[in-house]
Amino acid sequence: MALQLKVTLVRSPIDRSQSQKATVKGLGLGKLNSFKIHPDNESIRGMIRKIQHLVAVEPVG
C-alpha cells in the first residue's frame, strides 16, 4: 500500500489570501478539524507546503 497523508485543517483560512483559501478548498477541507486522506505525491505536497501554517499533516499506512 502506498503512503498516504492525513491533512487536518487546524487554523481558519479567514483573512488569508484568495489563493490560500482556494488551496484549502482544493484539498477538500471545509470546517476546522475536518480532515482528508490524500495520496503522497508532488502536487499534494506542494498544496500542503503553501498552507502549512493552517494544516496538520500525518502519514497514514
Protein backbone atom coordinates (compact mmCIF):
# COMPACT_ATOMS: atom_id res chain seq x y z
CA MET A 1 0.00 0.00 0.00
CA ALA A 2 1.31 3.41 -0.93
CA LEU A 3 1.90 6.01 1.76
CA GLN A 4 -0.98 8.40 2.29
CA LEU A 5 -1.26 11.68 4.17
CA LYS A 6 -3.98 12.75 6.58
CA VAL A 7 -4.40 16.52 6.24
CA THR A 8 -6.34 18.28 9.02
CA LEU A 9 -7.41 21.94 8.99
CA VAL A 10 -6.33 23.38 12.37
CA ARG A 11 -6.46 27.14 11.68
CA SER A 12 -9.08 29.21 9.90
CA PRO A 13 -8.47 30.50 6.36
CA ILE A 14 -10.35 33.72 7.20
CA ASP A 15 -8.18 36.80 6.47
CA ARG A 16 -5.89 34.77 4.20
CA SER A 17 -5.20 35.38 0.53
CA GLN A 18 -7.64 34.12 -2.08
CA SER A 19 -5.11 31.60 -3.37
CA GLN A 20 -4.67 30.08 0.11
CA LYS A 21 -8.45 29.82 0.52
CA ALA A 22 -8.66 28.09 -2.86
CA THR A 23 -5.91 25.66 -1.83
CA VAL A 24 -7.80 24.75 1.36
CA LYS A 25 -10.91 24.12 -0.71
CA GLY A 26 -8.90 22.20 -3.31
CA LEU A 27 -7.70 19.82 -0.60
CA GLY A 28 -11.33 19.18 0.32
CA LEU A 29 -11.19 20.88 3.71
CA GLY A 30 -14.09 22.97 5.00
CA LYS A 31 -14.62 23.44 8.71
CA LEU A 32 -11.97 23.43 11.42
CA ASN A 33 -10.74 19.97 12.38
CA SER A 34 -12.05 18.47 9.15
CA PHE A 35 -9.60 16.08 7.52
CA LYS A 36 -9.00 14.27 4.25
CA ILE A 37 -6.76 11.38 3.28
CA HIS A 38 -4.67 12.12 0.17
CA PRO A 39 -2.03 10.13 -1.71
CA ASP A 40 1.53 11.22 -1.05
CA ASN A 41 2.58 12.84 -4.33
CA GLU A 42 4.27 16.02 -5.52
CA SER A 43 1.09 18.01 -6.22
CA ILE A 44 -0.45 17.32 -2.81
CA ARG A 45 2.88 18.09 -1.10
CA GLY A 46 3.01 21.43 -2.93
CA MET A 47 -0.51 22.33 -1.84
CA ILE A 48 0.32 21.41 1.75
CA ARG A 49 3.50 23.48 1.65
CA LYS A 50 1.51 26.51 0.51
CA ILE A 51 -0.81 26.37 3.54
CA GLN A 52 1.47 24.64 6.05
CA HIS A 53 0.61 27.24 8.70
CA LEU A 54 -3.08 26.25 8.53
CA VAL A 55 -2.92 22.46 8.49
CA ALA A 56 -1.52 19.49 10.39
CA VAL A 57 -0.19 16.55 8.37
CA GLU A 58 0.46 12.99 9.49
CA PRO A 59 1.33 9.88 7.49
CA VAL A 60 -1.19 7.03 7.23
CA GLY A 61 -0.44 3.49 6.15
